[in-house]
Amino acid sequence: MTTLTIRRPDDWHLHLRDGAMLRAVLPETARHFARAIIMPNLVPPVVTGAEAMAYRGRIMAALPDGADFTPLMTLYLTEETDPDDLAAAHASGLVTAVKLYPAGATTNSASGVQDFDRVRPVLEKMAEIGCPLCVHGEVTDPDVDIFDREAVFIDRVLDPIRRATPGLRVVMEHITTSDGVDYVRSADRDLGATITTHHLIINRNHILVGGIRPHYYCLPVAKRETHRLALRKAATGGDPRFFLGTDSAPHVDAAKETGCGCAGCFTATNTMALLAHVFEAENALDRLEGFAALNGPAFYGLPPNETTLTLTKSDTPTTFPAKIETGDGPVTVFDPGFPVYWSTP
């Protein structure tokens, strides 16, 4: 096969940042993706409908001329979130989902939730109106090993929330473990999960063996090889509960290559080519469209895109840019560490 045409994909977990960074990285997503769930962890975070509308305006203003891209906005859940404001923003079509960050779990998550009982009225309102909850599934207790945080979150936080709030639709974002895969498969309804491109490619050895490689450092951190293989099986297996969320997270090199480097892999530029490589390796190219373009819209109750994207395979490796230049500094593009022969327009 030398070409593969699929419905235009969507990205169900994306960081665009703001200002000069937004203007530089947005074209990398809009080139391939029709829609994306936009993360609200700015500084300060996007917590109200009015703030989501203002951020959406800045995104639309940064789009290249002629780009066909729709940002799907989210609100950052805090212990002060107003259920009525959320409901109004969701009813208007402005807000697609709400994002739960446990306080301190990842970049710009200091305003996240510490006492989950205090957000119960918001979660009950979300179940009532059908607004999905996107969760960063890690506990932040200092006594829990960083490689165990996802599994512990499922037991301590997520499962109790779902049991206490029937009808709440939940997306476990960027799952990284076989525990996450198994938990999604155990649910008969109202639970899906996104899987990132980079977690299908790297394990924790890529970050640590032969020297610390900061551009592979992300949160949730990559886990053992057994977990990576479980993710690949889930992504390529055709189960509609798993869909693409790149978690593409740009940081300038100066913030990555430092004594306390930021977490995040920037994959917007080459995600679709890398996914074609992964799915071909798993003899599952016929399932790439489902993972990237059909399963996510089905979970969110949206129609799939009518336009298409064609991927082409050549005999020579594709050359991707090493960096994206921004007004804040260069951002390194994720390097899979092997030749890729697929490309996109």
Foldseek 3Di string as FASTA:
>chain_A
DFKDKFFQFEAAAEEQAADFSNLQCLVLQLVGHQEYEYAQLYVPGAAFLVSLVVVQVRNVVSDDPPGRHDYAYEHEDALPRDLVRVLVSVVVRSHQAYEADAAPQAPNRPRHYDDVVSCLVNQQSCLVNVRAYEYAQFDDPPVDDLQCGNLVSVVPPVVVSCVVHPNHAYEDEQDAFLSVVVVQVVDPDRYAYEHALLSLQDAQCVQPPPHGDQLQFAPSGHHDPVRSVSVLCSLLVQDLRYAHHHQQDWDAPVQRPDPDHHHHHHASNCRVLSVCVSNVVVVRNVRNNSRGFNSVCVSSVHDTHPHMWMKGFDPDFDDDDQWGQTPVHITGHDDSPDGTRIDTD
